[in-house]
C-alpha atoms as a PDB file:
ATOM      1  CA  UNK A   1      11.933   0.142  49.511  1.00  0.00           C
ATOM      2  CA  UNK A   2      13.727   1.742  52.458  1.00  0.00           C
ATOM      3  CA  UNK A   3      16.296  -0.427  54.241  1.00  0.00           C
ATOM      4  CA  UNK A   4      15.085   1.018  57.549  1.00  0.00           C
ATOM      5  CA  UNK A   5      11.641  -0.512  56.995  1.00  0.00           C
ATOM      6  CA  UNK A   6      11.381  -3.496  59.403  1.00  0.00           C
ATOM      7  CA  UNK A   7       9.047  -5.266  56.982  1.00  0.00           C
ATOM      8  CA  UNK A   8      11.555  -5.089  54.081  1.00  0.00           C
ATOM      9  CA  UNK A   9      12.575  -8.519  52.918  1.00  0.00           C
ATOM     10  CA  UNK A  10      16.288  -9.420  52.757  1.00  0.00           C
ATOM     11  CA  UNK A  11      15.881 -10.143  49.032  1.00  0.00           C
ATOM     12  CA  UNK A  12      14.513  -6.669  48.195  1.00  0.00           C
ATOM     13  CA  UNK A  13      17.193  -5.021  50.341  1.00  0.00           C
ATOM     14  CA  UNK A  14      19.888  -7.019  48.558  1.00  0.00           C
ATOM     15  CA  UNK A  15      18.507  -6.070  45.147  1.00  0.00           C
ATOM     16  CA  UNK A  16      18.462  -2.423  46.137  1.00  0.00           C
ATOM     17  CA  UNK A  17      22.096  -2.535  47.289  1.00  0.00           C
ATOM     18  CA  UNK A  18      23.090  -4.369  44.097  1.00  0.00           C
ATOM     19  CA  UNK A  19      21.329  -1.759  41.969  1.00  0.00           C
ATOM     20  CA  UNK A  20      23.029   1.079  43.879  1.00  0.00           C
ATOM     21  CA  UNK A  21      26.397  -0.604  43.384  1.00  0.00           C
ATOM     22  CA  UNK A  22      25.686  -0.996  39.676  1.00  0.00           C
ATOM     23  CA  UNK A  23      24.799   2.690  39.353  1.00  0.00           C
ATOM     24  CA  UNK A  24      28.011   3.627  41.173  1.00  0.00           C
ATOM     25  CA  UNK A  25      30.000   1.522  38.715  1.00  0.00           C
ATOM     26  CA  UNK A  26      28.218   3.044  35.712  1.00  0.00           C
ATOM     27  CA  UNK A  27      28.820   6.567  37.033  1.00  0.00           C
ATOM     28  CA  UNK A  28      32.530   5.774  37.406  1.00  0.00           C
ATOM     29  CA  UNK A  29      33.013   4.040  34.053  1.00  0.00           C
ATOM     30  CA  UNK A  30      31.043   6.381  31.780  1.00  0.00           C
ATOM     31  CA  UNK A  31      33.389   9.418  32.112  1.00  0.00           C
ATOM     32  CA  UNK A  32      36.409   7.203  31.385  1.00  0.00           C
ATOM     33  CA  UNK A  33      34.799   5.525  28.361  1.00  0.00           C
ATOM     34  CA  UNK A  34      33.455   8.834  27.042  1.00  0.00           C
ATOM     35  CA  UNK A  35      36.903  10.433  27.302  1.00  0.00           C
ATOM     36  CA  UNK A  36      38.554   7.497  25.520  1.00  0.00           C
ATOM     37  CA  UNK A  37      35.845   7.526  22.833  1.00  0.00           C
ATOM     38  CA  UNK A  38      36.405  11.235  22.168  1.00  0.00           C
ATOM     39  CA  UNK A  39      40.173  10.721  21.955  1.00  0.00           C
ATOM     40  CA  UNK A  40      39.736   7.828  19.502  1.00  0.00           C
ATOM     41  CA  UNK A  41      37.288   9.903  17.456  1.00  0.00           C
ATOM     42  CA  UNK A  42      39.733  12.807  17.286  1.00  0.00           C
ATOM     43  CA  UNK A  43      42.514  10.409  16.276  1.00  0.00           C
ATOM     44  CA  UNK A  44      40.362   8.981  13.467  1.00  0.00           C
ATOM     45  CA  UNK A  45      39.407  12.444  12.204  1.00  0.00           C
ATOM     46  CA  UNK A  46      43.059  13.528  12.186  1.00  0.00           C
ATOM     47  CA  UNK A  47      44.008  10.289  10.425  1.00  0.00           C
ATOM     48  CA  UNK A  48      41.410  10.829   7.691  1.00  0.00           C
ATOM     49  CA  UNK A  49      42.566  14.414   7.226  1.00  0.00           C
ATOM     50  CA  UNK A  50      46.169  13.235   7.017  1.00  0.00           C
ATOM     51  CA  UNK A  51      45.190  10.555   4.467  1.00  0.00           C
ATOM     52  CA  UNK A  52      43.550  13.165   2.262  1.00  0.00           C
ATOM     53  CA  UNK A  53      46.604  15.450   2.417  1.00  0.00           C
ATOM     54  CA  UNK A  54      49.224  12.742   1.855  1.00  0.00           C
ATOM     55  CA  UNK A  55      47.295  10.823  -0.800  1.00  0.00           C
ATOM     56  CA  UNK A  56      46.580  14.050  -2.676  1.00  0.00           C
ATOM     57  CA  UNK A  57      50.250  15.024  -2.567  1.00  0.00           C
ATOM     58  CA  UNK A  58      51.439  11.598  -3.740  1.00  0.00           C
ATOM     59  CA  UNK A  59      48.841  11.474  -6.511  1.00  0.00           C
ATOM     60  CA  UNK A  60      50.065  14.852  -7.728  1.00  0.00           C
ATOM     61  CA  UNK A  61      53.707  13.716  -7.658  1.00  0.00           C
ATOM     62  CA  UNK A  62      52.870  10.449  -9.451  1.00  0.00           C
ATOM     63  CA  UNK A  63      51.001  12.337 -12.164  1.00  0.00           C
ATOM     64  CA  UNK A  64      54.012  14.576 -12.694  1.00  0.00           C
ATOM     65  CA  UNK A  65      56.146  11.445 -13.105  1.00  0.00           C
ATOM     66  CA  UNK A  66      53.605   9.846 -15.418  1.00  0.00           C
ATOM     67  CA  UNK A  67      53.009   6.954 -13.039  1.00  0.00           C
ATOM     68  CA  UNK A  68      49.693   5.261 -12.478  1.00  0.00           C
ATOM     69  CA  UNK A  69      48.398   3.019  -9.716  1.00  0.00           C
ATOM     70  CA  UNK A  70      49.852  -0.462 -10.168  1.00  0.00           C
ATOM     71  CA  UNK A  71      53.016   0.674 -11.959  1.00  0.00           C
ATOM     72  CA  UNK A  72      56.282  -0.608 -10.443  1.00  0.00           C
ATOM     73  CA  UNK A  73      57.528   2.910  -9.682  1.00  0.00           C
ATOM     74  CA  UNK A  74      54.259   4.187  -8.196  1.00  0.00           C
ATOM     75  CA  UNK A  75      54.996   6.058  -4.974  1.00  0.00           C
ATOM     76  CA  UNK A  76      53.028   5.190  -1.833  1.00  0.00           C
ATOM     77  CA  UNK A  77      53.250   6.532   1.696  1.00  0.00           C
ATOM     78  CA  UNK A  78      53.447   3.199   3.461  1.00  0.00           C
ATOM     79  CA  UNK A  79      55.960   2.165   6.113  1.00  0.00           C
ATOM     80  CA  UNK A  80      55.867   1.198   9.835  1.00  0.00           C
ATOM     81  CA  UNK A  81      54.337   3.970  11.896  1.00  0.00           C
ATOM     82  CA  UNK A  82      52.757   5.709   8.898  1.00  0.00           C
ATOM     83  CA  UNK A  83      49.301   5.684  10.500  1.00  0.00           C
ATOM     84  CA  UNK A  84      50.561   7.723  13.444  1.00  0.00           C
ATOM     85  CA  UNK A  85      52.344  10.136  11.102  1.00  0.00           C
ATOM     86  CA  UNK A  86      49.169  10.542   9.056  1.00  0.00           C
ATOM     87  CA  UNK A  87      47.288  11.598  12.201  1.00  0.00           C
ATOM     88  CA  UNK A  88      50.172  13.818  13.320  1.00  0.00           C
ATOM     89  CA  UNK A  89      50.465  15.665   9.990  1.00  0.00           C
ATOM     90  CA  UNK A  90      47.330  17.859  10.385  1.00  0.00           C
ATOM     91  CA  UNK A  91      48.475  18.840  13.882  1.00  0.00           C
ATOM     92  CA  UNK A  92      51.893  19.847  12.539  1.00  0.00           C
ATOM     93  CA  UNK A  93      50.297  21.846   9.731  1.00  0.00           C
ATOM     94  CA  UNK A  94      47.994  23.719  12.121  1.00  0.00           C
ATOM     95  CA  UNK A  95      50.916  24.337  14.481  1.00  0.00           C
ATOM     96  CA  UNK A  96      52.969  25.695  11.582  1.00  0.00           C
ATOM     97  CA  UNK A  97      50.134  28.008  10.563  1.00  0.00           C
ATOM     98  CA  UNK A  98      49.804  29.215  14.150  1.00  0.00           C
ATOM     99  CA  UNK A  99      53.537  29.854  14.336  1.00  0.00           C
ATOM    100  CA  UNK A 100      53.391  31.733  11.029  1.00  0.00           C
ATOM    101  CA  UNK A 101      50.488  34.040  11.961  1.00  0.00           C
ATOM    102  CA  UNK A 102      52.226  35.037  15.198  1.00  0.00           C
ATOM    103  CA  UNK A 103      54.894  36.727  13.096  1.00  0.00           C
ATOM    104  CA  UNK A 104      54.555  39.933  11.135  1.00  0.00           C
ATOM    105  CA  UNK A 105      54.822  38.351   7.676  1.00  0.00           C
ATOM    106  CA  UNK A 106      52.321  35.620   8.512  1.00  0.00           C
ATOM    107  CA  UNK A 107      49.819  38.139   9.900  1.00  0.00           C
ATOM    108  CA  UNK A 108      50.018  40.215   6.725  1.00  0.00           C
ATOM    109  CA  UNK A 109      49.438  37.141   4.582  1.00  0.00           C
ATOM    110  CA  UNK A 110      46.478  36.106   6.743  1.00  0.00           C
ATOM    111  CA  UNK A 111      44.982  39.597   6.532  1.00  0.00           C
ATOM    112  CA  UNK A 112      45.378  39.540   2.756  1.00  0.00           C
ATOM    113  CA  UNK A 113      43.565  36.190   2.556  1.00  0.00           C
ATOM    114  CA  UNK A 114      40.800  37.427   4.891  1.00  0.00           C
ATOM    115  CA  UNK A 115      40.202  40.517   2.754  1.00  0.00           C
ATOM    116  CA  UNK A 116      39.879  38.359  -0.373  1.00  0.00           C
ATOM    117  CA  UNK A 117      37.397  36.048   1.355  1.00  0.00           C
ATOM    118  CA  UNK A 118      35.309  38.901   2.764  1.00  0.00           C
ATOM    119  CA  UNK A 119      34.866  40.460  -0.688  1.00  0.00           C
ATOM    120  CA  UNK A 120      33.258  37.310  -2.102  1.00  0.00           C
ATOM    121  CA  UNK A 121      29.434  37.383  -1.800  1.00  0.00           C
ATOM    122  CA  UNK A 122      27.923  34.779   0.545  1.00  0.00           C
ATOM    123  CA  UNK A 123      31.348  33.232   1.187  1.00  0.00           C
ATOM    124  CA  UNK A 124      32.474  36.443   2.884  1.00  0.00           C
ATOM    125  CA  UNK A 125      29.459  36.413   5.221  1.00  0.00           C
ATOM    126  CA  UNK A 126      30.026  32.732   6.001  1.00  0.00           C
ATOM    127  CA  UNK A 127      33.727  33.285   6.668  1.00  0.00           C
ATOM    128  CA  UNK A 128      33.084  36.284   8.945  1.00  0.00           C
ATOM    129  CA  UNK A 129      30.434  34.406  10.921  1.00  0.00           C
ATOM    130  CA  UNK A 130      32.705  31.401  11.472  1.00  0.00           C
ATOM    131  CA  UNK A 131      35.605  33.677  12.382  1.00  0.00           C
ATOM    132  CA  UNK A 132      33.510  35.477  15.021  1.00  0.00           C
ATOM    133  CA  UNK A 133      32.340  32.138  16.435  1.00  0.00           C
ATOM    134  CA  UNK A 134      35.919  30.875  16.706  1.00  0.00           C
ATOM    135  CA  UNK A 135      37.027  34.097  18.391  1.00  0.00           C
ATOM    136  CA  UNK A 136      34.150  33.806  20.869  1.00  0.00           C
ATOM    137  CA  UNK A 137      35.093  30.209  21.718  1.00  0.00           C
ATOM    138  CA  UNK A 138      38.788  31.098  21.978  1.00  0.00           C
ATOM    139  CA  UNK A 139      38.061  33.917  24.401  1.00  0.00           C
ATOM    140  CA  UNK A 140      35.492  31.992  26.431  1.00  0.00           C
ATOM    141  CA  UNK A 141      36.148  32.583  30.118  1.00  0.00           C
ATOM    142  CA  UNK A 142      38.956  35.059  29.684  1.00  0.00           C
ATOM    143  CA  UNK A 143      39.012  38.106  31.902  1.00  0.00           C
ATOM    144  CA  UNK A 144      39.074  40.305  28.819  1.00  0.00           C
ATOM    145  CA  UNK A 145      35.612  39.094  27.779  1.00  0.00           C
ATOM    146  CA  UNK A 146      33.931  37.912  30.994  1.00  0.00           C
ATOM    147  CA  UNK A 147      34.454  40.132  34.006  1.00  0.00           C
ATOM    148  CA  UNK A 148      32.385  38.151  36.464  1.00  0.00           C
ATOM    149  CA  UNK A 149      29.250  36.136  37.119  1.00  0.00           C
ATOM    150  CA  UNK A 150      25.972  37.862  37.937  1.00  0.00           C
ATOM    151  CA  UNK A 151      22.390  36.964  38.809  1.00  0.00           C
ATOM    152  CA  UNK A 152      19.589  38.504  36.769  1.00  0.00           C
ATOM    153  CA  UNK A 153      16.143  38.275  38.351  1.00  0.00           C
ATOM    154  CA  UNK A 154      13.879  36.713  35.705  1.00  0.00           C
ATOM    155  CA  UNK A 155      11.132  35.713  34.863  1.00  0.00           C
ATOM    156  CA  UNK A 156       9.551  36.395  38.268  1.00  0.00           C
ATOM    157  CA  UNK A 157      10.705  37.548  41.724  1.00  0.00           C
ATOM    158  CA  UNK A 158      12.741  34.841  43.411  1.00  0.00           C
ATOM    159  CA  UNK A 159      13.948  33.346  40.114  1.00  0.00           C
ATOM    160  CA  UNK A 160      17.469  34.048  38.892  1.00  0.00           C
ATOM    161  CA  UNK A 161      19.318  33.568  35.623  1.00  0.00           C
ATOM    162  CA  UNK A 162      23.077  33.058  35.652  1.00  0.00           C
ATOM    163  CA  UNK A 163      24.885  35.440  33.345  1.00  0.00           C
ATOM    164  CA  UNK A 164      28.410  36.538  32.472  1.00  0.00           C
ATOM    165  CA  UNK A 165      29.175  40.226  32.827  1.00  0.00           C
ATOM    166  CA  UNK A 166      30.857  41.456  29.653  1.00  0.00           C
ATOM    167  CA  UNK A 167      31.161  45.160  30.362  1.00  0.00           C
ATOM    168  CA  UNK A 168      29.527  48.377  31.516  1.00  0.00           C
ATOM    169  CA  UNK A 169      29.028  51.855  30.149  1.00  0.00           C
ATOM    170  CA  UNK A 170      27.294  55.137  30.971  1.00  0.00           C
ATOM    171  CA  UNK A 171      23.948  55.749  29.289  1.00  0.00           C
ATOM    172  CA  UNK A 172      23.997  59.472  28.532  1.00  0.00           C
ATOM    173  CA  UNK A 173      20.274  59.515  27.714  1.00  0.00           C
ATOM    174  CA  UNK A 174      19.138  58.236  31.124  1.00  0.00           C
ATOM    175  CA  UNK A 175      22.227  59.279  33.068  1.00  0.00           C
ATOM    176  CA  UNK A 176      22.598  55.797  34.585  1.00  0.00           C
ATOM    177  CA  UNK A 177      25.272  53.136  34.616  1.00  0.00           C
ATOM    178  CA  UNK A 178      24.333  50.159  32.428  1.00  0.00           C
ATOM    179  CA  UNK A 179      25.839  46.668  32.525  1.00  0.00           C
ATOM    180  CA  UNK A 180      25.855  44.242  29.615  1.00  0.00           C
ATOM    181  CA  UNK A 181      25.286  40.627  30.600  1.00  0.00           C
ATOM    182  CA  UNK A 182      25.507  37.564  28.365  1.00  0.00           C
ATOM    183  CA  UNK A 183      22.981  34.957  29.486  1.00  0.00           C
ATOM    184  CA  UNK A 184      23.884  31.559  27.972  1.00  0.00           C
ATOM    185  CA  UNK A 185      21.483  28.709  27.403  1.00  0.00           C
ATOM    186  CA  UNK A 186      21.947  25.273  28.957  1.00  0.00           C
ATOM    187  CA  UNK A 187      23.511  22.902  28.182  1.00  0.00           C
ATOM    188  CA  UNK A 188      24.899  24.757  25.129  1.00  0.00           C
ATOM    189  CA  UNK A 189      26.570  27.967  26.373  1.00  0.00           C
ATOM    190  CA  UNK A 190      27.544  29.052  22.848  1.00  0.00           C
ATOM    191  CA  UNK A 191      24.001  30.337  22.324  1.00  0.00           C
ATOM    192  CA  UNK A 192      22.127  32.841  24.428  1.00  0.00           C
ATOM    193  CA  UNK A 193      21.191  36.492  24.494  1.00  0.00           C
ATOM    194  CA  UNK A 194      22.636  39.779  25.720  1.00  0.00           C
ATOM    195  CA  UNK A 195      20.726  42.058  28.068  1.00  0.00           C
ATOM    196  CA  UNK A 196      21.543  45.645  29.037  1.00  0.00           C
ATOM    197  CA  UNK A 197      20.425  46.339  32.573  1.00  0.00           C
ATOM    198  CA  UNK A 198      20.717  49.078  35.135  1.00  0.00           C
ATOM    199  CA  UNK A 199      23.326  48.258  37.734  1.00  0.00           C
ATOM    200  CA  UNK A 200      20.800  48.243  40.583  1.00  0.00           C
ATOM    201  CA  UNK A 201      18.956  45.363  38.901  1.00  0.00           C
ATOM    202  CA  UNK A 202      21.990  43.071  38.888  1.00  0.00           C
ATOM    203  CA  UNK A 203      23.537  41.184  41.795  1.00  0.00           C
ATOM    204  CA  UNK A 204      27.106  40.005  41.433  1.00  0.00           C
ATOM    205  CA  UNK A 205      27.822  36.371  42.318  1.00  0.00           C
ATOM    206  CA  UNK A 206      30.712  34.827  44.230  1.00  0.00           C
ATOM    207  CA  UNK A 207      30.864  31.982  41.706  1.00  0.00           C
ATOM    208  CA  UNK A 208      33.946  31.757  39.554  1.00  0.00           C
ATOM    209  CA  UNK A 209      33.690  31.603  35.772  1.00  0.00           C
ATOM    210  CA  UNK A 210      34.619  27.918  35.897  1.00  0.00           C
ATOM    211  CA  UNK A 211      31.912  27.102  38.449  1.00  0.00           C
ATOM    212  CA  UNK A 212      29.253  28.973  36.484  1.00  0.00           C
ATOM    213  CA  UNK A 213      30.319  27.254  33.247  1.00  0.00           C
ATOM    214  CA  UNK A 214      30.051  23.817  34.873  1.00  0.00           C
ATOM    215  CA  UNK A 215      26.617  24.729  36.251  1.00  0.00           C
ATOM    216  CA  UNK A 216      25.366  25.689  32.785  1.00  0.00           C
ATOM    217  CA  UNK A 217      27.009  22.833  30.879  1.00  0.00           C
ATOM    218  CA  UNK A 218      25.560  20.247  33.261  1.00  0.00           C
ATOM    219  CA  UNK A 219      22.097  21.874  33.274  1.00  0.00           C
ATOM    220  CA  UNK A 220      22.415  22.383  37.014  1.00  0.00           C
ATOM    221  CA  UNK A 221      23.628  18.882  37.873  1.00  0.00           C
ATOM    222  CA  UNK A 222      27.124  20.081  38.809  1.00  0.00           C
ATOM    223  CA  UNK A 223      26.421  22.994  41.122  1.00  0.00           C
ATOM    224  CA  UNK A 224      28.765  24.856  43.470  1.00  0.00           C
ATOM    225  CA  UNK A 225      27.813  25.740  47.037  1.00  0.00           C
ATOM    226  CA  UNK A 226      25.309  28.484  46.328  1.00  0.00           C
ATOM    227  CA  UNK A 227      23.598  28.726  49.712  1.00  0.00           C
ATOM    228  CA  UNK A 228      25.822  31.482  51.028  1.00  0.00           C
ATOM    229  CA  UNK A 229      26.049  33.116  47.601  1.00  0.00           C
ATOM    230  CA  UNK A 230      22.297  33.217  46.951  1.00  0.00           C
ATOM    231  CA  UNK A 231      21.505  34.006  50.566  1.00  0.00           C
ATOM    232  CA  UNK A 232      23.820  36.999  50.607  1.00  0.00           C
ATOM    233  CA  UNK A 233      22.491  38.280  47.295  1.00  0.00           C
ATOM    234  CA  UNK A 234      18.846  38.025  48.410  1.00  0.00           C
ATOM    235  CA  UNK A 235      19.554  39.686  51.721  1.00  0.00           C
ATOM    236  CA  UNK A 236      21.673  42.548  50.480  1.00  0.00           C
ATOM    237  CA  UNK A 237      20.496  43.179  46.929  1.00  0.00           C
ATOM    238  CA  UNK A 238      23.312  45.679  46.690  1.00  0.00           C
ATOM    239  CA  UNK A 239      23.615  47.388  43.307  1.00  0.00           C
ATOM    240  CA  UNK A 240      26.794  47.388  41.335  1.00  0.00           C
ATOM    241  CA  UNK A 241      28.837  50.464  42.015  1.00  0.00           C
ATOM    242  CA  UNK A 242      30.435  52.447  39.234  1.00  0.00           C
ATOM    243  CA  UNK A 243      33.899  51.123  38.481  1.00  0.00           C
ATOM    244  CA  UNK A 244      33.215  47.783  40.166  1.00  0.00           C
ATOM    245  CA  UNK A 245      33.092  45.966  36.822  1.00  0.00           C
END
């Protein structure tokens, strides 16, 4: 019930204000709790991975020494702060691998391992698919991959899809300039489809890559100021010039 209504009772107006205040509190607390929950979840996953690595290593060393669980000389990785070190170990291992593959010797070893994986049936296809997915995520939003944000008119006049321009080339068969646009799905931008369109069918947007990503991830809930952007695009409809992308 509207507070401006003269017939609104004080009780209903108070309940409405209390409900609005509650919603404001929920909207403020949820991002904080969600962030903390994700951090705790990551910490637990790293801790479990560290447990598997350390326990496996100690079991191997104890077997070499002929020790079994319960023996007086059985080695265990237990001391103050060990839980933090268990969670830190996977991070250190991944950092070490990253440092290694940035050097010539490490790159050669990685390439050798990749070639062996790719030659194994099924496993090679799985490895290549995961590798391409990781590369796509790693390069998400970089200027090398996404050169701008564009509007593609679909499925009817007046409707627009938000897409990321990935490149352009000259179609020798038609003699026209063609632009490739990746149109992601919402709220999961890792899936979508690629369209090849003539430049005069695409309108470039003033949105940044970050703004467009937020728009897609939030399913339109977090939107930039598009009034000027959409208004200019509908009024001009200017095609993309060669060399603009």
